[in-house]
């Protein structure tokens, strides 16, 4: 499919059943299978995109994407293909924006788009948890703290820790057990005191 093709898909002559005789197979497929789905496509866009003034442009962009993708052959299920292409275009539009206004998309969950940014409440909770963990680690004896950090933060094995610290693996295991028990007790005591307030 060349980039110079100029077809007005809104031309009523292209919607006639005999129109496919004068255009390529892909164009005939488009007229026969995709254009009848226009009402479904517009309902989908209307439900998932708040800026109604952009709906016609979005439709045309989706049609262009569909034509680009079917160069190697037409899909078996036109409706699923059209709606998937529409969904992907909306997701791409939202992702391209560095700042997404709250009303850009009516229902982000409807688009199945995951967000990697935690909410403000989760950030506050995570910072509080890290602060409490640091306070608990600071209460451990130095050698015990070092073993816990090497094992749980750096991911070293018992043997690697023993070699690095110049102690036996049995001593590493004892430090690890004592350290984890002390941390668990700290968090249990801390959560009990928080629930009483």
N, C-alpha and C. Protein backbone atom coordinates (compact mmCIF):
# COMPACT_ATOMS: atom_id res chain seq x y z
N UNK A 1 0.85 -1.17 0.00
CA UNK A 1 0.00 0.00 0.00
C UNK A 1 0.89 1.22 0.00
N UNK A 2 0.73 2.10 -0.95
CA UNK A 2 1.56 3.29 -1.04
C UNK A 2 1.06 4.40 -0.16
N UNK A 3 1.94 5.33 0.14
CA UNK A 3 1.57 6.43 1.01
C UNK A 3 0.83 7.54 0.26
N UNK A 4 0.67 7.41 -1.09
CA UNK A 4 0.05 8.48 -1.86
C UNK A 4 -1.42 8.24 -2.14
N UNK A 5 -1.99 7.18 -1.65
CA UNK A 5 -3.39 6.87 -1.92
C UNK A 5 -4.29 7.91 -1.27
N UNK A 6 -5.18 8.46 -2.04
CA UNK A 6 -6.14 9.44 -1.52
C UNK A 6 -7.54 8.87 -1.73
N UNK A 7 -8.16 8.42 -0.66
CA UNK A 7 -9.50 7.87 -0.76
C UNK A 7 -10.37 8.57 0.26
N UNK A 8 -11.50 9.04 -0.16
CA UNK A 8 -12.45 9.66 0.76
C UNK A 8 -13.39 8.56 1.24
N UNK A 9 -13.15 8.04 2.44
CA UNK A 9 -13.92 6.91 2.95
C UNK A 9 -15.35 7.31 3.29
N UNK A 10 -15.63 8.57 3.33
CA UNK A 10 -16.99 9.01 3.61
C UNK A 10 -17.81 9.14 2.33
N UNK A 11 -17.17 8.93 1.17
CA UNK A 11 -17.86 8.99 -0.11
C UNK A 11 -18.92 7.90 -0.18
N UNK A 12 -20.19 8.25 -0.37
CA UNK A 12 -21.25 7.24 -0.39
C UNK A 12 -21.08 6.21 -1.49
N UNK A 13 -20.39 6.55 -2.60
CA UNK A 13 -20.18 5.57 -3.67
C UNK A 13 -19.32 4.41 -3.23
N UNK A 14 -18.41 4.64 -2.27
CA UNK A 14 -17.56 3.56 -1.79
C UNK A 14 -18.33 2.57 -0.92
N UNK A 15 -19.47 2.97 -0.41
CA UNK A 15 -20.25 2.09 0.45
C UNK A 15 -21.17 1.17 -0.34
N UNK A 16 -21.25 1.37 -1.64
CA UNK A 16 -22.10 0.50 -2.46
C UNK A 16 -21.48 -0.88 -2.54
N UNK A 17 -22.29 -1.95 -2.60
CA UNK A 17 -21.74 -3.30 -2.67
C UNK A 17 -20.88 -3.53 -3.90
N UNK A 18 -21.15 -2.84 -4.99
CA UNK A 18 -20.37 -3.09 -6.20
C UNK A 18 -19.12 -2.22 -6.26
N UNK A 19 -18.90 -1.39 -5.26
CA UNK A 19 -17.74 -0.49 -5.28
C UNK A 19 -16.44 -1.25 -5.20
N UNK A 20 -16.43 -2.41 -4.56
CA UNK A 20 -15.22 -3.20 -4.41
C UNK A 20 -14.62 -3.66 -5.72
N UNK A 21 -15.39 -3.64 -6.78
CA UNK A 21 -14.88 -4.09 -8.07
C UNK A 21 -13.86 -3.12 -8.65
N UNK A 22 -13.92 -1.87 -8.22
CA UNK A 22 -13.02 -0.89 -8.81
C UNK A 22 -11.86 -0.50 -7.88
N UNK A 23 -11.80 -1.04 -6.69
CA UNK A 23 -10.72 -0.71 -5.77
C UNK A 23 -9.98 -1.98 -5.40
N UNK A 24 -8.81 -1.84 -4.74
CA UNK A 24 -8.00 -3.00 -4.38
C UNK A 24 -8.74 -3.89 -3.38
N UNK A 25 -8.25 -5.09 -3.17
CA UNK A 25 -8.87 -6.02 -2.23
C UNK A 25 -8.91 -5.46 -0.81
N UNK A 26 -7.86 -4.78 -0.41
CA UNK A 26 -7.84 -4.20 0.94
C UNK A 26 -8.88 -3.10 1.05
N UNK A 27 -8.94 -2.27 0.04
CA UNK A 27 -9.94 -1.20 0.07
C UNK A 27 -11.35 -1.77 0.05
N UNK A 28 -11.56 -2.83 -0.70
CA UNK A 28 -12.87 -3.47 -0.75
C UNK A 28 -13.21 -4.06 0.62
N UNK A 29 -12.21 -4.70 1.25
CA UNK A 29 -12.42 -5.24 2.59
C UNK A 29 -12.77 -4.12 3.56
N UNK A 30 -12.06 -3.02 3.44
CA UNK A 30 -12.30 -1.88 4.33
C UNK A 30 -13.75 -1.39 4.19
N UNK A 31 -14.18 -1.23 2.97
CA UNK A 31 -15.53 -0.74 2.72
C UNK A 31 -16.57 -1.75 3.19
N UNK A 32 -16.31 -3.02 2.94
CA UNK A 32 -17.27 -4.08 3.26
C UNK A 32 -17.32 -4.40 4.75
N UNK A 33 -16.15 -4.42 5.44
CA UNK A 33 -16.07 -4.90 6.82
C UNK A 33 -15.91 -3.79 7.86
N UNK A 34 -15.14 -2.76 7.55
CA UNK A 34 -14.80 -1.75 8.56
C UNK A 34 -15.82 -0.61 8.60
N UNK A 35 -16.16 -0.07 7.46
CA UNK A 35 -17.08 1.07 7.45
C UNK A 35 -18.42 0.77 8.10
N UNK A 36 -18.99 -0.42 7.96
CA UNK A 36 -20.24 -0.70 8.67
C UNK A 36 -20.11 -0.67 10.20
N UNK A 37 -18.88 -0.74 10.69
CA UNK A 37 -18.63 -0.72 12.14
C UNK A 37 -18.47 0.71 12.66
N UNK A 38 -18.67 1.69 11.82
CA UNK A 38 -18.43 3.07 12.22
C UNK A 38 -19.25 3.49 13.43
N UNK A 39 -20.51 3.11 13.49
CA UNK A 39 -21.36 3.48 14.63
C UNK A 39 -20.81 2.86 15.92
N UNK A 40 -20.37 1.61 15.85
CA UNK A 40 -19.79 0.94 17.02
C UNK A 40 -18.50 1.63 17.43
N UNK A 41 -17.68 1.96 16.46
CA UNK A 41 -16.43 2.66 16.73
C UNK A 41 -16.69 4.01 17.38
N UNK A 42 -17.64 4.76 16.86
CA UNK A 42 -17.92 6.08 17.42
C UNK A 42 -18.49 5.98 18.84
N UNK A 43 -19.30 4.95 19.11
CA UNK A 43 -19.79 4.74 20.48
C UNK A 43 -18.62 4.47 21.42
N UNK A 44 -17.69 3.62 20.96
CA UNK A 44 -16.51 3.31 21.77
C UNK A 44 -15.71 4.57 22.05
N UNK A 45 -15.46 5.37 21.03
CA UNK A 45 -14.70 6.61 21.21
C UNK A 45 -15.45 7.58 22.13
N UNK A 46 -16.74 7.67 21.95
CA UNK A 46 -17.56 8.57 22.76
C UNK A 46 -17.52 8.17 24.24
N UNK A 47 -17.47 6.88 24.51
CA UNK A 47 -17.43 6.40 25.89
C UNK A 47 -16.06 6.54 26.53
N UNK A 48 -15.00 6.53 25.72
CA UNK A 48 -13.65 6.47 26.27
C UNK A 48 -12.81 7.71 26.05
N UNK A 49 -13.34 8.73 25.44
CA UNK A 49 -12.57 9.95 25.20
C UNK A 49 -13.45 11.15 25.51
N UNK A 50 -13.02 11.99 26.43
CA UNK A 50 -13.86 13.10 26.89
C UNK A 50 -13.96 14.25 25.91
N UNK A 51 -12.89 14.53 25.19
CA UNK A 51 -12.90 15.67 24.29
C UNK A 51 -13.65 15.29 23.02
N UNK A 52 -14.94 15.58 23.00
CA UNK A 52 -15.81 15.17 21.90
C UNK A 52 -15.44 15.84 20.58
N UNK A 53 -14.78 16.98 20.63
CA UNK A 53 -14.40 17.66 19.39
C UNK A 53 -13.30 16.90 18.63
N UNK A 54 -12.64 15.96 19.29
CA UNK A 54 -11.57 15.19 18.66
C UNK A 54 -12.03 13.86 18.09
N UNK A 55 -13.28 13.50 18.29
CA UNK A 55 -13.75 12.16 17.91
C UNK A 55 -13.61 11.87 16.42
N UNK A 56 -13.96 12.82 15.58
CA UNK A 56 -13.86 12.58 14.13
C UNK A 56 -12.41 12.43 13.70
N UNK A 57 -11.52 13.24 14.28
CA UNK A 57 -10.09 13.10 13.97
C UNK A 57 -9.57 11.75 14.44
N UNK A 58 -10.00 11.34 15.63
CA UNK A 58 -9.59 10.03 16.14
C UNK A 58 -10.06 8.92 15.20
N UNK A 59 -11.30 9.02 14.74
CA UNK A 59 -11.83 8.00 13.81
C UNK A 59 -10.95 7.91 12.57
N UNK A 60 -10.60 9.06 12.00
CA UNK A 60 -9.77 9.06 10.80
C UNK A 60 -8.38 8.48 11.08
N UNK A 61 -7.82 8.81 12.24
CA UNK A 61 -6.51 8.25 12.61
C UNK A 61 -6.60 6.73 12.76
N UNK A 62 -7.71 6.26 13.31
CA UNK A 62 -7.90 4.81 13.47
C UNK A 62 -8.01 4.16 12.09
N UNK A 63 -8.76 4.77 11.19
CA UNK A 63 -8.87 4.22 9.84
C UNK A 63 -7.50 4.17 9.16
N UNK A 64 -6.71 5.22 9.34
CA UNK A 64 -5.37 5.23 8.74
C UNK A 64 -4.51 4.11 9.33
N UNK A 65 -4.59 3.92 10.65
CA UNK A 65 -3.83 2.85 11.30
C UNK A 65 -4.26 1.48 10.79
N UNK A 66 -5.55 1.31 10.64
CA UNK A 66 -6.07 0.03 10.16
C UNK A 66 -5.50 -0.26 8.78
N UNK A 67 -5.54 0.73 7.89
CA UNK A 67 -5.02 0.53 6.54
C UNK A 67 -3.53 0.24 6.53
N UNK A 68 -2.78 0.87 7.44
CA UNK A 68 -1.34 0.59 7.53
C UNK A 68 -1.08 -0.85 7.96
N UNK A 69 -1.91 -1.34 8.87
CA UNK A 69 -1.69 -2.66 9.46
C UNK A 69 -2.14 -3.81 8.57
N UNK A 70 -3.02 -3.57 7.63
CA UNK A 70 -3.54 -4.68 6.83
C UNK A 70 -2.82 -4.84 5.50
N UNK A 71 -1.68 -4.20 5.32
CA UNK A 71 -0.91 -4.37 4.09
C UNK A 71 -0.58 -5.83 3.82
N UNK A 72 -0.28 -6.58 4.88
CA UNK A 72 0.13 -7.98 4.71
C UNK A 72 -1.04 -8.94 4.69
N UNK A 73 -2.23 -8.45 4.87
CA UNK A 73 -3.41 -9.30 4.85
C UNK A 73 -4.46 -8.77 5.81
N UNK A 74 -5.71 -9.08 5.48
CA UNK A 74 -6.80 -8.58 6.30
C UNK A 74 -7.07 -9.54 7.45
N UNK A 75 -7.46 -9.01 8.62
CA UNK A 75 -7.74 -9.87 9.77
C UNK A 75 -9.06 -10.62 9.58
N UNK A 76 -9.17 -11.71 10.28
CA UNK A 76 -10.37 -12.54 10.17
C UNK A 76 -11.57 -11.89 10.86
N UNK A 77 -11.34 -11.24 12.00
CA UNK A 77 -12.42 -10.64 12.78
C UNK A 77 -12.28 -9.13 12.76
N UNK A 78 -13.00 -8.49 11.86
CA UNK A 78 -12.86 -7.05 11.64
C UNK A 78 -13.24 -6.24 12.87
N UNK A 79 -14.32 -6.61 13.55
CA UNK A 79 -14.79 -5.81 14.69
C UNK A 79 -13.74 -5.79 15.81
N UNK A 80 -13.21 -6.95 16.16
CA UNK A 80 -12.18 -7.02 17.21
C UNK A 80 -10.95 -6.22 16.79
N UNK A 81 -10.58 -6.32 15.52
CA UNK A 81 -9.42 -5.61 15.01
C UNK A 81 -9.62 -4.09 15.09
N UNK A 82 -10.79 -3.63 14.70
CA UNK A 82 -11.09 -2.19 14.72
C UNK A 82 -11.08 -1.67 16.15
N UNK A 83 -11.75 -2.37 17.06
CA UNK A 83 -11.82 -1.88 18.44
C UNK A 83 -10.46 -1.98 19.15
N UNK A 84 -9.68 -2.99 18.85
CA UNK A 84 -8.34 -3.09 19.43
C UNK A 84 -7.46 -1.96 18.91
N UNK A 85 -7.56 -1.68 17.62
CA UNK A 85 -6.80 -0.57 17.04
C UNK A 85 -7.21 0.75 17.68
N UNK A 86 -8.51 0.93 17.91
CA UNK A 86 -9.01 2.16 18.55
C UNK A 86 -8.47 2.26 19.96
N UNK A 87 -8.54 1.18 20.71
CA UNK A 87 -8.05 1.17 22.10
C UNK A 87 -6.57 1.52 22.13
N UNK A 88 -5.78 0.90 21.25
CA UNK A 88 -4.34 1.16 21.22
C UNK A 88 -4.03 2.61 20.86
N UNK A 89 -4.80 3.18 19.95
CA UNK A 89 -4.59 4.57 19.58
C UNK A 89 -4.88 5.49 20.78
N UNK A 90 -5.96 5.22 21.51
CA UNK A 90 -6.28 6.05 22.68
C UNK A 90 -5.21 5.93 23.74
N UNK A 91 -4.73 4.72 23.98
CA UNK A 91 -3.67 4.51 24.96
C UNK A 91 -2.40 5.26 24.52
N UNK A 92 -2.06 5.17 23.25
CA UNK A 92 -0.88 5.88 22.74
C UNK A 92 -1.04 7.39 22.91
N UNK A 93 -2.22 7.90 22.65
CA UNK A 93 -2.46 9.35 22.81
C UNK A 93 -2.26 9.78 24.26
N UNK A 94 -2.79 8.98 25.19
CA UNK A 94 -2.66 9.32 26.60
C UNK A 94 -1.20 9.22 27.02
N UNK A 95 -0.49 8.20 26.58
CA UNK A 95 0.91 8.02 26.96
C UNK A 95 1.80 9.11 26.38
N UNK A 96 1.47 9.60 25.21
CA UNK A 96 2.28 10.64 24.59
C UNK A 96 2.25 11.94 25.36
N UNK A 97 1.16 12.18 26.03
CA UNK A 97 1.04 13.38 26.84
C UNK A 97 1.88 13.20 28.10
N UNK A 98 2.74 14.16 28.39
CA UNK A 98 3.55 14.07 29.61
C UNK A 98 2.70 14.33 30.84
N UNK A 99 1.75 15.22 30.70
CA UNK A 99 0.82 15.52 31.78
C UNK A 99 -0.56 15.21 31.26
N UNK A 100 -1.22 14.28 31.91
CA UNK A 100 -2.55 13.87 31.46
C UNK A 100 -3.59 14.59 32.29
N UNK A 101 -4.39 15.45 31.66
CA UNK A 101 -5.45 16.09 32.43
C UNK A 101 -6.44 15.05 32.93
N UNK A 102 -7.05 15.32 34.06
CA UNK A 102 -7.93 14.34 34.69
C UNK A 102 -9.10 13.99 33.78
N UNK A 103 -9.51 14.91 32.92
CA UNK A 103 -10.65 14.61 32.06
C UNK A 103 -10.24 14.14 30.66
N UNK A 104 -8.95 13.79 30.46
CA UNK A 104 -8.51 13.35 29.14
C UNK A 104 -9.21 12.07 28.72
N UNK A 105 -9.37 11.17 29.64
CA UNK A 105 -9.98 9.88 29.32
C UNK A 105 -11.10 9.63 30.31
N UNK A 106 -12.24 9.24 29.81
CA UNK A 106 -13.39 9.01 30.68
C UNK A 106 -13.13 7.87 31.65
N UNK A 107 -12.51 6.81 31.19
CA UNK A 107 -12.35 5.64 32.02
C UNK A 107 -11.04 4.94 31.67
N UNK A 108 -9.95 5.26 32.36
CA UNK A 108 -8.67 4.63 32.08
C UNK A 108 -8.73 3.12 32.31
N UNK A 109 -9.52 2.68 33.30
CA UNK A 109 -9.63 1.25 33.54
C UNK A 109 -10.29 0.56 32.36
N UNK A 110 -11.20 1.23 31.70
CA UNK A 110 -11.85 0.66 30.52
C UNK A 110 -10.86 0.44 29.39
N UNK A 111 -9.77 1.20 29.40
CA UNK A 111 -8.73 1.04 28.39
C UNK A 111 -7.69 0.03 28.82
N UNK A 112 -7.81 -0.52 30.01
CA UNK A 112 -6.86 -1.49 30.56
C UNK A 112 -5.44 -0.97 30.54
N UNK A 113 -5.28 0.30 30.87
CA UNK A 113 -3.96 0.90 30.87
C UNK A 113 -3.45 0.96 32.31
N UNK A 114 -2.32 0.35 32.54
CA UNK A 114 -1.75 0.34 33.88
C UNK A 114 -0.99 1.63 34.13
N UNK A 115 -1.00 2.04 35.34
CA UNK A 115 -0.22 3.20 35.72
C UNK A 115 0.86 2.77 36.71
N UNK A 116 2.06 3.30 36.52
CA UNK A 116 3.18 2.93 37.37
C UNK A 116 3.36 3.87 38.54
N UNK A 117 2.64 4.96 38.57
CA UNK A 117 2.83 5.97 39.60
C UNK A 117 1.93 5.69 40.79
N UNK A 118 2.54 5.50 41.98
CA UNK A 118 1.70 5.27 43.16
C UNK A 118 1.02 6.57 43.59
N UNK A 119 -0.10 6.43 44.27
CA UNK A 119 -0.82 7.59 44.76
C UNK A 119 -0.08 8.24 45.92
N UNK A 120 -0.49 9.45 46.26
CA UNK A 120 0.18 10.19 47.33
C UNK A 120 0.09 9.45 48.66
N UNK A 121 -1.04 8.81 48.92
CA UNK A 121 -1.19 8.07 50.17
C UNK A 121 -0.22 6.91 50.26
N UNK A 122 0.01 6.23 49.14
CA UNK A 122 0.95 5.11 49.15
C UNK A 122 2.39 5.59 49.34
N UNK A 123 2.71 6.75 48.78
CA UNK A 123 4.05 7.32 48.96
C UNK A 123 4.28 7.65 50.44
N UNK A 124 3.29 8.25 51.08
CA UNK A 124 3.42 8.60 52.50
C UNK A 124 3.57 7.34 53.35
N UNK A 125 2.75 6.33 53.07
CA UNK A 125 2.83 5.08 53.83
C UNK A 125 4.19 4.41 53.62
N UNK A 126 4.68 4.40 52.38
CA UNK A 126 5.98 3.78 52.09
C UNK A 126 7.11 4.50 52.81
N UNK A 127 7.07 5.83 52.81
CA UNK A 127 8.11 6.59 53.51
C UNK A 127 8.07 6.33 55.01
N UNK A 128 6.86 6.25 55.57
CA UNK A 128 6.72 5.96 57.00
C UNK A 128 7.26 4.58 57.32
N UNK A 129 6.95 3.61 56.48
CA UNK A 129 7.45 2.24 56.69
C UNK A 129 8.97 2.20 56.61
N UNK A 130 9.55 2.90 55.64
CA UNK A 130 11.02 2.93 55.52
C UNK A 130 11.65 3.60 56.74
N UNK A 131 11.03 4.67 57.22
CA UNK A 131 11.54 5.35 58.42
C UNK A 131 11.52 4.41 59.62
N UNK A 132 10.42 3.68 59.77
CA UNK A 132 10.30 2.74 60.88
C UNK A 132 11.30 1.59 60.73
N UNK A 133 11.51 1.12 59.50
CA UNK A 133 12.48 0.05 59.27
C UNK A 133 13.88 0.52 59.61
N UNK A 134 14.22 1.74 59.21
CA UNK A 134 15.54 2.28 59.54
C UNK A 134 15.72 2.38 61.05
N UNK A 135 14.69 2.82 61.75
CA UNK A 135 14.76 2.91 63.22
C UNK A 135 14.95 1.53 63.83
N UNK A 136 14.27 0.53 63.28
CA UNK A 136 14.41 -0.84 63.80
C UNK A 136 15.81 -1.38 63.52
N UNK A 137 16.33 -1.12 62.33
CA UNK A 137 17.69 -1.58 61.99
C UNK A 137 18.73 -0.91 62.88
N UNK A 138 18.52 0.36 63.19
CA UNK A 138 19.46 1.09 64.04
C UNK A 138 19.53 0.50 65.45
N UNK A 139 18.48 -0.18 65.88
CA UNK A 139 18.46 -0.79 67.22
C UNK A 139 19.20 -2.13 67.27
N UNK A 140 19.48 -2.71 66.13
CA UNK A 140 20.18 -4.01 66.12
C UNK A 140 21.66 -3.82 66.46
N UNK A 141 22.27 -4.84 67.05
CA UNK A 141 23.72 -4.80 67.25
C UNK A 141 24.42 -4.69 65.89
N UNK A 142 25.58 -4.03 65.84
CA UNK A 142 26.24 -3.76 64.55
C UNK A 142 26.47 -4.99 63.68
N UNK A 143 26.99 -6.09 64.24
CA UNK A 143 27.27 -7.29 63.43
C UNK A 143 25.96 -7.91 62.93
N UNK A 144 24.97 -7.94 63.77
CA UNK A 144 23.66 -8.47 63.40
C UNK A 144 23.04 -7.63 62.28
N UNK A 145 23.11 -6.31 62.41
CA UNK A 145 22.59 -5.39 61.39
C UNK A 145 23.30 -5.62 60.05
N UNK A 146 24.63 -5.80 60.12
CA UNK A 146 25.40 -6.01 58.90
C UNK A 146 24.97 -7.30 58.20
N UNK A 147 24.77 -8.36 58.96
CA UNK A 147 24.33 -9.63 58.37
C UNK A 147 22.95 -9.48 57.72
N UNK A 148 22.02 -8.84 58.41
CA UNK A 148 20.67 -8.65 57.87
C UNK A 148 20.72 -7.84 56.57
N UNK A 149 21.50 -6.78 56.56
CA UNK A 149 21.59 -5.94 55.36
C UNK A 149 22.26 -6.69 54.20
N UNK A 150 23.32 -7.42 54.50
CA UNK A 150 24.00 -8.17 53.44
C UNK A 150 23.09 -9.25 52.86
N UNK A 151 22.31 -9.88 53.72
CA UNK A 151 21.44 -10.98 53.27
C UNK A 151 20.19 -10.45 52.57
N UNK A 152 19.47 -9.52 53.23
CA UNK A 152 18.17 -9.09 52.73
C UNK A 152 18.22 -7.94 51.73
N UNK A 153 19.21 -7.08 51.84
CA UNK A 153 19.29 -5.94 50.93
C UNK A 153 20.20 -6.26 49.74
N UNK A 154 21.41 -6.77 50.06
CA UNK A 154 22.35 -7.05 48.98
C UNK A 154 22.17 -8.43 48.37
N UNK A 155 21.43 -9.31 49.06
CA UNK A 155 21.11 -10.62 48.50
C UNK A 155 22.26 -11.62 48.50
N UNK A 156 23.22 -11.42 49.40
CA UNK A 156 24.34 -12.36 49.47
C UNK A 156 23.91 -13.65 50.15
N UNK A 157 24.60 -14.73 49.79
CA UNK A 157 24.32 -16.02 50.43
C UNK A 157 25.01 -16.06 51.79
N UNK A 158 24.64 -17.05 52.60
CA UNK A 158 25.28 -17.21 53.92
C UNK A 158 26.78 -17.39 53.77
N UNK A 159 27.16 -18.19 52.80
CA UNK A 159 28.59 -18.45 52.59
C UNK A 159 29.33 -17.16 52.20
N UNK A 160 28.75 -16.35 51.33
CA UNK A 160 29.38 -15.10 50.92
C UNK A 160 29.50 -14.14 52.11
N UNK A 161 28.46 -14.09 52.94
CA UNK A 161 28.49 -13.22 54.12
C UNK A 161 29.57 -13.70 55.09
N UNK A 162 29.63 -15.01 55.32
CA UNK A 162 30.63 -15.57 56.23
C UNK A 162 32.04 -15.24 55.74
N UNK A 163 32.27 -15.37 54.46
CA UNK A 163 33.59 -15.07 53.89
C UNK A 163 33.91 -13.59 54.04
N UNK A 164 32.96 -12.73 53.72
CA UNK A 164 33.17 -11.29 53.79
C UNK A 164 33.44 -10.82 55.22
N UNK A 165 32.67 -11.38 56.19
CA UNK A 165 32.78 -10.91 57.58
C UNK A 165 33.81 -11.71 58.39
N UNK A 166 34.32 -12.80 57.84
CA UNK A 166 35.31 -13.61 58.56
C UNK A 166 34.69 -14.39 59.71
N UNK A 167 33.45 -14.86 59.55
CA UNK A 167 32.78 -15.65 60.59
C UNK A 167 32.24 -16.92 59.95
N UNK A 168 31.75 -17.84 60.76
CA UNK A 168 31.24 -19.11 60.24
C UNK A 168 29.81 -18.91 59.71
N UNK A 169 29.39 -19.84 58.88
CA UNK A 169 28.02 -19.79 58.36
C UNK A 169 27.01 -19.97 59.50
N UNK A 170 27.40 -20.74 60.51
CA UNK A 170 26.51 -20.96 61.65
C UNK A 170 26.29 -19.64 62.39
N UNK A 171 27.34 -18.84 62.51
CA UNK A 171 27.23 -17.54 63.17
C UNK A 171 26.37 -16.59 62.32
N UNK A 172 26.52 -16.67 60.99
CA UNK A 172 25.69 -15.87 60.09
C UNK A 172 24.22 -16.22 60.30
N UNK A 173 23.93 -17.52 60.36
CA UNK A 173 22.56 -17.98 60.57
C UNK A 173 22.01 -17.48 61.90
N UNK A 174 22.83 -17.51 62.94
CA UNK A 174 22.39 -17.05 64.26
C UNK A 174 22.10 -15.54 64.24
N UNK A 175 23.01 -14.77 63.63
CA UNK A 175 22.79 -13.32 63.51
C UNK A 175 21.51 -13.02 62.70
N UNK A 176 21.34 -13.78 61.65
CA UNK A 176 20.17 -13.57 60.80
C UNK A 176 18.88 -13.85 61.57
N UNK A 177 18.85 -14.96 62.29
CA UNK A 177 17.67 -15.32 63.08
C UNK A 177 17.39 -14.28 64.14
N UNK A 178 18.42 -13.89 64.88
CA UNK A 178 18.25 -12.88 65.93
C UNK A 178 17.79 -11.54 65.36
N UNK A 179 18.40 -11.15 64.24
CA UNK A 179 18.05 -9.87 63.62
C UNK A 179 16.62 -9.84 63.11
N UNK A 180 16.20 -10.91 62.44
CA UNK A 180 14.84 -10.94 61.91
C UNK A 180 13.80 -11.01 63.03
N UNK A 181 14.11 -11.75 64.09
CA UNK A 181 13.20 -11.81 65.24
C UNK A 181 13.08 -10.42 65.90
N UNK A 182 14.21 -9.73 66.04
CA UNK A 182 14.18 -8.40 66.65
C UNK A 182 13.38 -7.42 65.78
N UNK A 183 13.55 -7.50 64.45
CA UNK A 183 12.79 -6.63 63.56
C UNK A 183 11.29 -6.94 63.64
N UNK A 184 10.96 -8.22 63.65
CA UNK A 184 9.55 -8.61 63.74
C UNK A 184 8.94 -8.12 65.05
N UNK A 185 9.67 -8.30 66.14
CA UNK A 185 9.18 -7.83 67.44
C UNK A 185 8.99 -6.32 67.45
N UNK A 186 9.95 -5.60 66.86
CA UNK A 186 9.85 -4.15 66.80
C UNK A 186 8.57 -3.73 66.06
N UNK A 187 8.32 -4.34 64.90
CA UNK A 187 7.15 -3.97 64.12
C UNK A 187 5.85 -4.41 64.79
N UNK A 188 5.87 -5.55 65.47
CA UNK A 188 4.67 -5.99 66.19
C UNK A 188 4.37 -5.05 67.35
N UNK A 189 5.41 -4.71 68.12
CA UNK A 189 5.22 -3.79 69.24
C UNK A 189 4.78 -2.42 68.74
N UNK A 190 5.38 -1.99 67.64
CA UNK A 190 5.05 -0.68 67.07
C UNK A 190 3.61 -0.65 66.57
N UNK A 191 3.16 -1.74 65.93
CA UNK A 191 1.78 -1.75 65.43
C UNK A 191 0.79 -1.84 66.59
N UNK A 192 1.17 -2.54 67.67
CA UNK A 192 0.29 -2.59 68.86
C UNK A 192 0.16 -1.21 69.48
N UNK A 193 1.28 -0.50 69.60
CA UNK A 193 1.22 0.84 70.20
C UNK A 193 0.45 1.80 69.29
N UNK A 194 0.52 1.63 67.96
CA UNK A 194 -0.22 2.50 67.02
C UNK A 194 -1.72 2.21 67.11
N UNK A 195 -2.09 0.96 67.31
CA UNK A 195 -3.52 0.64 67.35
C UNK A 195 -4.18 1.10 68.65
N UNK A 196 -3.39 1.28 69.70
CA UNK A 196 -3.93 1.74 70.98
C UNK A 196 -4.18 3.24 70.99
N UNK A 197 -3.51 3.95 70.08
CA UNK A 197 -3.68 5.42 70.05
C UNK A 197 -4.85 5.84 69.20
